[in-house]
Each structure stands twice: as C-alpha cells, then as structure tokens.
Protein backbone atom coordinates (compact mmCIF):
# COMPACT_ATOMS: atom_id res chain seq x y z
CA UNK A 1 -35.26 -0.33 -0.74
CA UNK A 2 -32.97 -2.88 -2.08
CA UNK A 3 -29.43 -2.38 -2.42
CA UNK A 4 -27.29 -3.10 -5.90
CA UNK A 5 -26.32 -6.49 -6.35
CA UNK A 6 -22.27 -5.98 -6.01
CA UNK A 7 -21.32 -9.71 -6.72
CA UNK A 8 -22.76 -12.58 -8.63
CA UNK A 9 -22.16 -15.84 -7.25
CA UNK A 10 -20.42 -17.17 -10.53
CA UNK A 11 -17.92 -13.86 -10.49
CA UNK A 12 -17.34 -14.35 -6.72
CA UNK A 13 -16.52 -17.98 -7.21
CA UNK A 14 -14.22 -17.49 -10.30
CA UNK A 15 -12.63 -14.83 -8.22
CA UNK A 16 -12.07 -16.90 -5.42
CA UNK A 17 -11.38 -20.29 -7.02
CA UNK A 18 -14.48 -21.77 -5.21
CA UNK A 19 -17.56 -23.84 -6.03
CA UNK A 20 -20.99 -22.75 -5.69
CA UNK A 21 -23.81 -25.06 -3.49
CA UNK A 22 -27.10 -24.42 -2.42
CA UNK A 23 -29.72 -22.29 -4.02
CA UNK A 24 -27.63 -19.37 -5.95
CA UNK A 25 -30.64 -18.79 -8.44
CA UNK A 26 -34.57 -16.88 -8.12
CA UNK A 27 -35.65 -13.64 -8.47
CA UNK A 28 -34.01 -10.88 -6.91
CA UNK A 29 -31.08 -13.28 -5.53
CA UNK A 30 -27.75 -10.91 -5.38
CA UNK A 31 -24.74 -10.60 -3.15
CA UNK A 32 -25.05 -6.75 -2.02
CA UNK A 33 -22.21 -6.54 0.50
CA UNK A 34 -19.64 -8.20 2.22
CA UNK A 35 -19.72 -9.20 6.06
CA UNK A 36 -17.07 -10.93 8.32
CA UNK A 37 -19.11 -10.29 11.80
CA UNK A 38 -22.77 -11.59 11.94
CA UNK A 39 -23.51 -8.83 14.19
CA UNK A 40 -22.82 -5.94 11.99
CA UNK A 41 -24.12 -7.92 8.76
CA UNK A 42 -26.56 -6.37 6.70
CA UNK A 43 -29.46 -8.31 4.47
CA UNK A 44 -28.40 -9.39 1.24
CA UNK A 45 -24.69 -9.77 2.41
CA UNK A 46 -21.89 -12.65 1.47
CA UNK A 47 -20.65 -13.83 5.06
CA UNK A 48 -17.29 -14.47 5.05
CA UNK A 49 -16.27 -17.23 8.11
CA UNK A 50 -12.70 -16.15 8.82
CA UNK A 51 -11.05 -18.27 11.32
CA UNK A 52 -9.14 -16.44 13.97
CA UNK A 53 -6.62 -17.46 16.66
CA UNK A 54 -9.76 -16.74 19.01
CA UNK A 55 -12.89 -17.30 17.39
CA UNK A 56 -14.17 -19.14 13.96
CA UNK A 57 -16.55 -17.37 11.97
CA UNK A 58 -17.96 -21.11 11.17
CA UNK A 59 -19.40 -21.15 14.06
CA UNK A 60 -21.44 -18.10 12.83
CA UNK A 61 -22.87 -19.20 9.51
CA UNK A 62 -26.19 -20.08 10.83
CA UNK A 63 -26.60 -16.59 13.05
CA UNK A 64 -25.49 -14.76 9.82
CA UNK A 65 -28.50 -16.76 7.67
CA UNK A 66 -30.77 -15.76 10.31
CA UNK A 67 -29.29 -11.80 10.05
CA UNK A 68 -30.38 -12.15 6.24
CA UNK A 69 -26.85 -13.32 4.40
CA UNK A 70 -27.71 -14.06 1.05
CA UNK A 71 -24.87 -16.29 1.08
CA UNK A 72 -21.50 -17.83 3.58
CA UNK A 73 -17.94 -18.36 2.21
CA UNK A 74 -16.72 -21.27 4.08
CA UNK A 75 -13.74 -23.89 4.17
CA UNK A 76 -15.25 -26.59 6.35
CA UNK A 77 -18.73 -27.86 6.75
CA UNK A 78 -21.31 -26.44 8.76
CA UNK A 79 -24.14 -27.92 10.68
CA UNK A 80 -27.55 -26.63 11.02
CA UNK A 81 -28.14 -24.31 8.02
CA UNK A 82 -31.38 -23.47 6.29
CA UNK A 83 -32.33 -26.07 3.13
CA UNK A 84 -30.82 -24.71 0.40
CA UNK A 85 -28.43 -22.32 1.84
CA UNK A 86 -26.13 -20.28 -0.50
CA UNK A 87 -22.48 -21.25 0.25
CA UNK A 88 -19.34 -20.70 -1.42
CA UNK A 89 -16.68 -23.37 -0.80
CA UNK A 90 -12.92 -22.43 -0.76
CA UNK A 91 -9.85 -23.65 0.38
CA UNK A 92 -9.06 -21.34 2.95
CA UNK A 93 -11.32 -17.84 3.67
CA UNK A 94 -8.73 -15.57 4.08
CA UNK A 95 -7.06 -16.56 0.97
CA UNK A 96 -10.15 -16.31 -0.62
CA UNK A 97 -11.14 -12.62 0.91
CA UNK A 98 -7.76 -11.56 -0.63
CA UNK A 99 -8.48 -13.08 -4.16
CA UNK A 100 -12.08 -11.26 -3.68
CA UNK A 101 -10.36 -8.05 -2.78
CA UNK A 102 -7.77 -8.19 -5.79
CA UNK A 103 -10.96 -8.96 -8.31
CA UNK A 104 -12.66 -5.61 -6.97
CA UNK A 105 -9.58 -3.87 -7.52
CA UNK A 106 -8.88 -5.71 -10.77
CA UNK A 107 -12.58 -4.51 -12.06
CA UNK A 108 -12.48 -0.98 -10.77
CA UNK A 109 -11.64 2.30 -13.09
CA UNK A 110 -11.12 4.21 -10.16
CA UNK A 111 -8.09 6.00 -8.74
CA UNK A 112 -6.48 4.57 -5.84
CA UNK A 113 -5.20 6.25 -3.28
CA UNK A 114 -3.39 5.13 -0.43
CA UNK A 115 -2.69 6.30 3.65
CA UNK A 116 -0.01 5.40 5.47
CA UNK A 117 2.05 6.84 8.71
CA UNK A 118 2.73 6.40 11.93
CA UNK A 119 0.16 9.36 12.98
CA UNK A 120 -2.64 10.92 11.16
CA UNK A 121 -3.71 7.96 8.81
CA UNK A 122 -7.15 7.25 9.66
CA UNK A 123 -8.06 10.91 10.37
CA UNK A 124 -6.15 12.13 6.96
CA UNK A 125 -7.96 9.00 5.46
CA UNK A 126 -11.37 10.16 6.35
CA UNK A 127 -10.65 13.81 5.35
CA UNK A 128 -9.11 12.87 2.21
CA UNK A 129 -12.74 10.38 1.49
CA UNK A 130 -14.78 13.63 2.54
CA UNK A 131 -13.25 15.66 0.07
CA UNK A 132 -13.51 13.47 -2.68
CA UNK A 133 -16.73 12.16 -2.20
CA UNK A 134 -18.01 15.46 -2.43
CA UNK A 135 -17.28 15.88 -5.85
CA UNK A 136 -17.39 12.05 -7.12
CA UNK A 137 -18.33 8.77 -5.69
CA UNK A 138 -15.45 7.87 -3.34
CA UNK A 139 -15.02 4.23 -1.79
CA UNK A 140 -12.75 4.01 1.69
CA UNK A 141 -11.83 1.63 4.08
CA UNK A 142 -14.48 1.92 7.22
CA UNK A 143 -13.27 3.32 10.26
CA UNK A 144 -9.68 1.52 11.15
CA UNK A 145 -10.06 -1.68 8.48
CA UNK A 146 -6.83 -1.28 7.37
CA UNK A 147 -5.11 -4.44 8.40
CA UNK A 148 -4.55 -7.88 6.36
CA UNK A 149 -8.67 -8.55 6.41
CA UNK A 150 -9.62 -4.93 6.53
CA UNK A 151 -8.31 -4.42 3.23
CA UNK A 152 -9.32 -6.77 1.03
CA UNK A 153 -12.80 -6.57 3.04
CA UNK A 154 -13.08 -2.93 1.58
CA UNK A 155 -11.60 -3.94 -1.65
CA UNK A 156 -14.50 -6.56 -1.65
CA UNK A 157 -17.17 -4.31 -0.81
CA UNK A 158 -15.87 -1.83 -3.44
CA UNK A 159 -18.71 -0.23 -5.79
CA UNK A 160 -17.16 -0.69 -9.11
CA UNK A 161 -18.26 2.55 -10.39
CA UNK A 162 -16.24 4.68 -7.93
CA UNK A 163 -14.40 7.29 -9.15
CA UNK A 164 -11.92 7.52 -6.20
CA UNK A 165 -10.62 4.50 -3.94
CA UNK A 166 -8.86 5.59 -0.55
CA UNK A 167 -7.69 3.07 1.47
CA UNK A 168 -5.78 3.32 4.91
CA UNK A 169 -2.84 0.87 5.44
CA UNK A 170 -1.74 0.10 8.87
CA UNK A 171 1.46 -2.17 9.90
CA UNK A 172 3.24 -3.55 12.99
CA UNK A 173 5.96 -4.77 11.48
CA UNK A 174 8.24 -5.16 8.75
CA UNK A 175 6.66 -6.43 5.58
CA UNK A 176 3.02 -5.72 6.21
CA UNK A 177 2.64 -2.57 4.05
CA UNK A 178 4.57 -4.29 0.92
CA UNK A 179 1.65 -6.92 1.08
CA UNK A 180 -1.55 -4.70 1.34
CA UNK A 181 0.11 -1.91 -1.30
CA UNK A 182 0.49 -5.00 -3.28
CA UNK A 183 -3.04 -5.60 -3.35
CA UNK A 184 -4.43 -1.77 -3.42
CA UNK A 185 -1.84 -1.21 -5.92
CA UNK A 186 -2.52 2.54 -5.26
CA UNK A 187 -2.21 5.54 -8.06
CA UNK A 188 -0.68 8.11 -5.04
CA UNK A 189 1.10 6.72 -1.85
CA UNK A 190 0.41 9.22 0.93
CA UNK A 191 2.67 9.02 4.42
CA UNK A 192 1.50 11.37 6.84
CA UNK A 193 4.57 11.01 9.78
CA UNK A 194 7.07 8.70 10.73
CA UNK A 195 7.10 8.17 14.67
CA UNK A 196 8.14 5.85 16.94
CA UNK A 197 5.17 4.20 17.41
CA UNK A 198 5.52 0.00 17.41
CA UNK A 199 9.33 0.89 17.78
CA UNK A 200 9.68 -1.93 20.04
CA UNK A 201 9.35 -4.20 16.65
CA UNK A 202 11.80 -1.88 14.94
CA UNK A 203 15.77 -1.35 15.45
CA UNK A 204 15.47 2.61 14.87
CA UNK A 205 13.25 5.39 13.26
CA UNK A 206 14.36 4.90 10.23
CA UNK A 207 13.31 1.12 10.09
CA UNK A 208 9.77 2.22 10.73
CA UNK A 209 10.72 4.74 7.89
CA UNK A 210 11.59 1.94 5.44
CA UNK A 211 8.41 -0.19 6.26
CA UNK A 212 6.48 2.67 5.57
CA UNK A 213 8.09 3.30 2.33
CA UNK A 214 7.51 -0.23 0.92
CA UNK A 215 3.92 1.30 0.14
CA UNK A 216 5.57 2.40 -3.37
CA UNK A 217 7.35 -0.67 -4.32
CA UNK A 218 3.82 -1.97 -6.38
CA UNK A 219 3.30 1.45 -7.43
CA UNK A 220 3.34 2.21 -10.97
CA UNK A 221 5.92 4.47 -12.37
CA UNK A 222 3.52 6.90 -13.37
CA UNK A 223 2.21 7.28 -9.71
CA UNK A 224 2.94 9.79 -7.33
CA UNK A 225 4.20 10.05 -3.75
CA UNK A 226 3.13 12.49 -1.18
CA UNK A 227 5.66 12.70 1.81
CA UNK A 228 5.65 15.32 4.70
CA UNK A 229 8.49 17.80 3.37
CA UNK A 230 9.36 18.97 7.19
CA UNK A 231 10.05 15.68 9.02
CA UNK A 232 13.95 14.82 9.37
CA UNK A 233 13.40 11.56 7.16
CA UNK A 234 11.88 13.30 4.20
CA UNK A 235 15.01 12.82 1.90
CA UNK A 236 15.08 9.09 3.62
CA UNK A 237 11.46 8.80 2.42
CA UNK A 238 12.05 10.63 -1.15
CA UNK A 239 15.03 7.90 -2.01
CA UNK A 240 12.84 4.80 -1.11
CA UNK A 241 10.31 6.36 -3.55
CA UNK A 242 12.76 7.33 -6.26
CA UNK A 243 14.03 3.84 -5.92
CA UNK A 244 10.77 2.46 -6.49
CA UNK A 245 10.65 4.31 -9.80
CA UNK A 246 8.68 7.01 -8.75
CA UNK A 247 9.90 10.45 -10.61
CA UNK A 248 6.60 12.34 -9.21
CA UNK A 249 7.12 13.10 -5.59
CA UNK A 250 4.99 16.02 -3.65
CA UNK A 251 5.85 17.54 -0.49
CA UNK A 252 3.59 19.34 2.25
CA UNK A 253 4.23 21.38 5.12
CA UNK A 254 6.20 24.42 6.22
CA UNK A 255 9.37 24.16 3.68
CA UNK A 256 9.68 26.67 1.07
CA UNK A 257 10.24 23.75 -1.42
CA UNK A 258 6.64 22.02 -0.40
CA UNK A 259 3.85 21.80 -2.99
CA UNK A 260 1.39 22.16 -0.74
CA UNK A 261 3.01 24.71 2.06
CA UNK A 262 1.90 26.28 4.62
CA UNK A 263 1.90 30.34 4.89
CA UNK A 264 0.31 31.10 8.29
CA UNK A 265 -2.56 29.52 10.82
CA UNK A 266 -4.35 30.86 13.63
CA UNK A 267 -5.51 28.16 16.20
CA UNK A 268 -9.29 28.13 18.13
CA UNK A 269 -10.64 25.69 20.25
CA UNK A 270 -13.02 24.43 17.79
CA UNK A 271 -10.32 24.52 14.56
CA UNK A 272 -7.74 26.66 12.65
CA UNK A 273 -8.04 29.38 9.88
CA UNK A 274 -5.30 28.30 7.49
CA UNK A 275 -3.42 30.02 4.75
CA UNK A 276 -1.70 28.16 2.35
CA UNK A 277 -0.22 27.70 -1.22
CA UNK A 278 -0.89 24.53 -3.03
CA UNK A 279 0.84 24.25 -6.36
CA UNK A 280 1.35 28.02 -6.69
CA UNK A 281 -2.55 28.59 -5.82
CA UNK A 282 -2.98 30.86 -3.02
CA UNK A 283 -6.10 29.00 -0.47
CA UNK A 284 -7.38 30.20 2.33
CA UNK A 285 -9.57 27.90 4.39
CA UNK A 286 -10.90 26.71 7.91
CA UNK A 287 -10.33 23.35 9.50
CA UNK A 288 -13.07 22.13 11.69
CA UNK A 289 -10.91 20.45 13.76
CA UNK A 290 -8.50 22.15 16.79
CA UNK A 291 -4.80 21.28 16.68
CA UNK A 292 -1.51 21.82 14.69
CA UNK A 293 -1.46 18.57 13.65
CA UNK A 294 -4.55 18.85 11.71
CA UNK A 295 -3.02 21.75 9.97
CA UNK A 296 -0.36 19.54 8.66
CA UNK A 297 -2.70 17.02 7.72
CA UNK A 298 -5.20 19.32 5.44
CA UNK A 299 -2.11 20.28 3.24
CA UNK A 300 -1.84 16.22 2.58
CA UNK A 301 -5.40 16.15 1.46
CA UNK A 302 -5.36 19.03 -0.65
CA UNK A 303 -2.40 18.04 -2.30
CA UNK A 304 -3.61 14.19 -2.74
CA UNK A 305 -6.83 15.83 -4.30
CA UNK A 306 -4.50 18.29 -6.55
CA UNK A 307 -2.90 14.99 -7.96
CA UNK A 308 -5.91 13.47 -8.67
CA UNK A 309 -7.44 16.16 -10.59
CA UNK A 310 -10.02 17.23 -7.96
CA UNK A 311 -11.03 20.55 -6.99
CA UNK A 312 -8.93 22.20 -4.62
CA UNK A 313 -11.21 25.12 -3.99
CA UNK A 314 -14.32 22.59 -3.10
CA UNK A 315 -11.67 20.79 -0.87
CA UNK A 316 -10.82 23.81 1.07
CA UNK A 317 -14.82 24.43 1.64
CA UNK A 318 -15.07 20.94 2.77
CA UNK A 319 -12.48 21.33 5.39
CA UNK A 320 -14.84 23.56 7.76
CA UNK A 321 -17.05 20.61 8.35
CA UNK A 322 -14.72 18.05 8.73
CA UNK A 323 -15.23 16.72 12.56
CA UNK A 324 -12.95 14.69 14.76
CA UNK A 325 -13.42 11.05 14.84
CA UNK A 326 -14.57 8.60 17.79
CA UNK A 327 -11.51 7.90 20.01
CA UNK A 328 -9.26 10.57 17.88
CA UNK A 329 -10.58 13.97 19.48
CA UNK A 330 -14.50 13.90 19.37
CA UNK A 331 -15.28 16.15 22.00
CA UNK A 332 -18.35 15.99 24.52
CA UNK A 333 -20.08 18.33 26.95
CA UNK A 334 -21.16 16.55 29.68
CA UNK A 335 -23.72 17.55 31.98
CA UNK A 336 -22.48 16.96 35.71
CA UNK A 337 -23.19 18.30 39.50
CA UNK A 338 -25.30 21.51 38.15
CA UNK A 339 -22.95 22.62 35.52
CA UNK A 340 -20.96 20.82 32.56
CA UNK A 341 -17.10 19.68 31.90
CA UNK A 342 -15.86 19.13 28.70
CA UNK A 343 -14.35 15.23 27.39
CA UNK A 344 -11.82 14.78 24.86
CA UNK A 345 -11.90 11.61 23.37
CA UNK A 346 -8.44 10.10 22.47
CA UNK A 347 -9.45 6.86 23.95
CA UNK A 348 -8.65 4.97 20.80
CA UNK A 349 -4.85 4.42 20.88
CA UNK A 350 -1.57 6.48 21.38
CA UNK A 351 1.93 6.93 20.66
CA UNK A 352 4.74 9.58 21.39
CA UNK A 353 3.37 11.88 18.62
CA UNK A 354 0.01 11.46 19.25
CA UNK A 355 0.26 11.86 22.78
CA UNK A 356 1.79 15.18 22.45
CA UNK A 357 -0.64 15.91 19.84
CA UNK A 358 -3.46 15.31 22.20
CA UNK A 359 -1.92 16.93 25.40
CA UNK A 360 -1.57 20.30 22.99
CA UNK A 361 -5.21 20.12 22.43
CA UNK A 362 -5.60 20.13 25.86
CA UNK A 363 -3.08 22.93 26.69
CA UNK A 364 -5.17 24.92 24.27
CA UNK A 365 -8.48 24.62 25.63
CA UNK A 366 -9.69 27.53 28.19
CA UNK A 367 -11.57 26.15 31.03
CA UNK A 368 -14.04 28.18 32.40
CA UNK A 369 -13.91 29.53 35.99
CA UNK A 370 -12.06 27.29 38.45
CA UNK A 371 -11.97 24.53 35.95
CA UNK A 372 -9.07 22.48 35.32
CA UNK A 373 -7.33 20.94 32.81
CA UNK A 374 -6.95 17.10 33.42
CA UNK A 375 -4.95 14.51 31.83
CA UNK A 376 -6.17 10.60 32.40
CA UNK A 377 -3.61 8.74 30.57
CA UNK A 378 -2.60 4.93 30.03
CA UNK A 379 0.35 3.07 28.53
CA UNK A 380 1.59 4.08 25.44
CA UNK A 381 2.24 -0.11 23.66
CA UNK A 382 4.50 -1.27 21.85
CA UNK A 383 7.71 0.65 22.50
CA UNK A 384 9.89 -1.80 23.62
CA UNK A 385 13.46 -0.53 25.18
CA UNK A 386 12.38 3.14 24.97
CA UNK A 387 9.47 2.56 26.70
CA UNK A 388 9.86 4.23 30.28
CA UNK A 389 12.18 6.94 28.98
CA UNK A 390 9.58 7.93 25.91
CA UNK A 391 6.79 7.87 29.06
CA UNK A 392 8.96 10.05 31.27
CA UNK A 393 9.45 13.02 28.24
CA UNK A 394 5.59 13.47 28.36
CA UNK A 395 6.70 15.67 31.79
CA UNK A 396 7.48 18.75 29.49
CA UNK A 397 4.42 18.65 26.93
CA UNK A 398 2.45 18.34 30.07
CA UNK A 399 4.24 21.62 32.03
CA UNK A 400 3.57 23.27 28.34
CA UNK A 401 0.25 22.70 28.09
CA UNK A 402 -0.24 24.02 31.94
CA UNK A 403 -2.56 20.95 32.76
CA UNK A 404 -3.50 21.08 36.63
CA UNK A 405 -3.72 17.25 37.12
CA UNK A 406 -2.71 14.17 35.48
CA UNK A 407 -3.97 10.64 36.36
CA UNK A 408 -2.23 7.47 35.03
CA UNK A 409 -2.67 3.61 34.70
CA UNK A 410 -0.12 1.20 33.09
CA UNK A 411 3.68 -0.32 33.91
CA UNK A 412 5.14 2.66 32.37
CA UNK A 413 2.63 5.40 32.95
CA UNK A 414 3.95 4.95 36.80
CA UNK A 415 7.24 6.27 35.90
CA UNK A 416 5.78 9.35 34.48
CA UNK A 417 3.55 9.92 37.25
CA UNK A 418 6.41 9.90 39.65
CA UNK A 419 8.34 12.26 37.53
CA UNK A 420 5.61 14.75 37.77
CA UNK A 421 5.65 18.02 39.99
CA UNK A 422 3.85 17.36 43.04
CA UNK A 423 1.63 19.72 42.52
CA UNK A 424 0.06 17.87 39.60
CA UNK A 425 0.24 14.53 40.63
CA UNK A 426 -3.21 12.92 40.65
CA UNK A 427 -3.82 8.83 41.31
CA UNK A 428 -1.97 6.19 39.44
CA UNK A 429 -3.54 2.59 39.27
CA UNK A 430 -2.47 -0.64 37.45
CA UNK A 431 -5.64 -0.73 35.23
CA UNK A 432 -8.09 1.62 33.60
CA UNK A 433 -11.13 -0.42 35.55
CA UNK A 434 -9.20 0.66 38.66
CA UNK A 435 -8.86 4.50 37.51
CA UNK A 436 -12.54 4.96 37.32
CA UNK A 437 -13.48 6.05 40.87
CA UNK A 438 -10.84 8.38 41.63
CA UNK A 439 -11.66 10.03 38.33
CA UNK A 440 -15.05 10.32 38.44
CA UNK A 441 -14.89 11.52 42.08
CA UNK A 442 -12.19 14.20 41.13
CA UNK A 443 -14.00 15.54 38.06
CA UNK A 444 -16.24 18.77 38.40
CA UNK A 445 -18.39 21.40 36.49
CA UNK A 446 -15.96 23.81 34.04
CA UNK A 447 -12.97 21.49 34.12
CA UNK A 448 -11.41 19.93 30.44
CA UNK A 449 -10.61 16.40 30.62
CA UNK A 450 -8.32 14.17 27.90
CA UNK A 451 -8.71 10.47 28.14
CA UNK A 452 -5.62 9.40 25.96
CA UNK A 453 -3.64 5.49 26.01
CA UNK A 454 -3.33 3.07 23.53
CA UNK A 455 -6.12 0.35 22.55
CA UNK A 456 -4.43 -2.50 25.01
CA UNK A 457 -4.39 -0.24 27.84
CA UNK A 458 -8.71 -0.26 27.70
CA UNK A 459 -8.77 3.65 27.90
CA UNK A 460 -12.54 3.41 26.94
CA UNK A 461 -13.62 1.91 30.27
CA UNK A 462 -12.51 5.42 31.86
CA UNK A 463 -14.21 7.17 28.72
CA UNK A 464 -17.57 5.56 29.49
CA UNK A 465 -17.42 6.09 33.02
CA UNK A 466 -17.00 10.09 32.33
CA UNK A 467 -19.69 9.84 30.01
CA UNK A 468 -22.17 7.88 32.09
CA UNK A 469 -21.88 10.93 34.74
CA UNK A 470 -24.05 12.81 32.46
CA UNK A 471 -27.21 14.16 33.90
CA UNK A 472 -28.84 14.78 30.76
CA UNK A 473 -28.27 13.13 27.28
CA UNK A 474 -24.59 13.85 26.28
CA UNK A 475 -24.42 16.46 23.65
CA UNK A 476 -21.38 17.45 21.51
CA UNK A 477 -18.93 20.27 22.02
CA UNK A 478 -20.37 22.18 18.89
CA UNK A 479 -24.11 22.08 20.33
CA UNK A 480 -25.27 19.31 17.91
C-alpha cells in the first residue's frame, strides 16, 4: 500500500531554498517521508544527508537510493548515484532541515504541545500522544528525537492534517530549549520536573529551571503553561512563564491549588489506582505502569488533554493501557535455570531523580521465595563537581528499597559501592562489559533485577547479556 505524499518536490525546494536536479516527475512520484538514516529509510522517503562530527550522510546517499529513497537532499556533489536521481541541492543540509521543519509547522493547523523537563519527558510525551491519538490524528517525535536534529526532522515528517502535535524538547546546555521552542511554537508548554540532570553544565538547579523555562518565551500570550505544583521551584517557573506573557498557568500534583490534583493512589507491581480532581471533576483511573512518579506524570497528561479540549474521561481510560518503554522501565520475565527472574530495563539513561525512582520501583517488587532484589548500576554522567556526592546519596534509597545486592560500574559508582553496607556489596568493575560475567553468574530464579545508568555508561551491554540468559524466547512481564 503506497503512502500519502508528504512533500512535493517544488514545495520542499521552496521551503529549503534549494534547487531541484534530476528526475522529479513521473507517475506516482512523491516524497512520502523524511529520513536521516539510510538503515531505517522507507521507500519513498526523502533522504537528508546530514554531516556530523563522526560521519557524513553524503557517504550513504547511494545506499539510500538502493533502499528505495525517492530523492535526497545534499549540499555537495555525490558520486555513484542512479541516472536521473532526484536531488535537492541546498547550501547546508542541517539548516535546510530546520527550514523544512519550520515549513511543516507553518502549514499545520494542529494544536501543538511541547514537553520538557529533567525527568519523565519521553514517557509523558508518549502517554500524551497515546491519549490524544485515541481521539484525533496526532503527530509526535519518535522515541527521543528531541534535539537539534530530531525536532526539525519530526516537524518535517508531520502529517499536515494532524489535529494535535506532541513534541518532546531536550537539552544539555542553556539556549537549546529556546531554539527548539521557536521552531515548534507550542500552544501548550509542559515542564514535567526540574532535577539535577546535566548539573555539570549549570551553576545550580535554578539554572536548569531557567533553561527549561526558555520553553515559554516563543509562546503566544494565549498559550498555556503546565507546571509541577509541588516543586520547590514552581513559583520561579511561574514567574518565568508570566514574564513571557503567559496568563494561563496550570498546576498538577498534590498541592491543594493544583488544577490537576492528586487525591489518593495505591501502588501495585503492575501499576497504580488513582483518584484525582481535574479542573473540578473527580476522576478515577488506573495507570498501567508502576511507580509514584508515573502517578504524577499522569496528572500532567490529563491536564494537557483538558487544556486542548480533548475528552479527559477517555484519556483516563487510555491510561490503563500505557506501558513502560524500552530502556525506561520495560519489564521482562526471563526463563533461566529451571525458573525465571524478572528484569527491569532502565538502561537508557539516568540522573539522581530517575535513579531514585527506579530504585523505588525495585523496592515495590516482591521476589518469589528465595529471590533477591538486585540493582545493577552504572555511572550517572554530566553531574560535574557534585557527582561523587550525588552517587553516594543513593545509599539511602537502596536501603529503603531493601535491595539485597548491588553491582556497579564506572568511576563514581565506585564511591557508592564502597559506601554501601558490606552485606549488599556486589562486584564493582570499571566498565559495563567487565560487569557482565559477575552479574550473569550471580542471577538466579525468583530474583528481581534492575539495570540502570546513563547512556554513556553503556548499561545496555549488561541488559543484553541478561536477556541472552533466556532458556526460551523472552516474554513480557504481563504475559504477552
């Protein structure tokens, strides 16, 4: 089945300021998608040859055409292409991608929602996308395409007929959210939380809050800010929103003044039953992912749905089917040695707040007879001069969660390992690769195992080794 044409050649050329070369005509010709990776490109896509510090997409243009690309956007000559290959010649492919993304935004009549924050932004974005998509056509960036490549790419891919656009915006340094928000021009700006993520690039938590609040500056005065009402920096963020000209500021959390207010909740191993008041309406719903942080995230999702006019009751129903993402809490039951152990995959990334939340999840787990709670932790990166202190502070959450055994890798996790009570010290290694052998030898049936660390700690290496212990094909924790 052919896909709908997303961009005509002349429209893409006008948007980017480029020139068309080669065969852009013919029956059935059209650009049905946009890609920057020849490995995942779909037939009919426009391949954009981005030039990065470690690779140059121009080296893969020929492969892209072999994979079925309809055309390629380039800024230099490329050899070995099919005769008449359709090319869009631009001055700079990254700049042209931004212009194409801006054109995608300009032609859309959708309501745009932008999500940022130190923790929970990808999960919140995915939950918000799921709730809105149940009710109307909804576009969103895939996975964590939330940076200076991913956001314009996602806008360029956006169906012009979408009713909602949900975009996650990420950052490592000041000024990055501002650039991305100028591109997205959100109608709703949601900040999930402010924590010590990337604190090594900032002077303080307040500096992180300032950088996140750049989200509000490009927004129209008719837009809405959604903020975590319980956070100590709530008033600081509110002031930033008001300075940007926003007058509609919505809170979510436990606070009695929050428009999306938590009344009560109960946790179990698979999710949470929640009672809340959303804009003076009592709602009861189930969140299909465990953890108190997910309860709070769900309130922000319902607040955003209400602000854009979506059906909150229908969004509540959808919450029950929300599942944790790969690398962000996905669970596996692994058949091993005649029994099975549970594996909690938090391998994608880590900061102090998300690490505490993940350890809390491990604490909620109830191992079967003889099983243990085991934490396998890699360094939390980009924490600057506070790094050793923040790693050592994990001792208390591990104690509170009644973790039985802790394996660690990385320079600063060594400081945590040496601070732990001797009874729960596992093995420490310099790298995740070195940690594989002691971890795989230690695990046993009925254990519940958490794997977490920053992306640069490469904890996926340990995760894959544990998955490969499977005696039979892995199944999800819910039995699917």
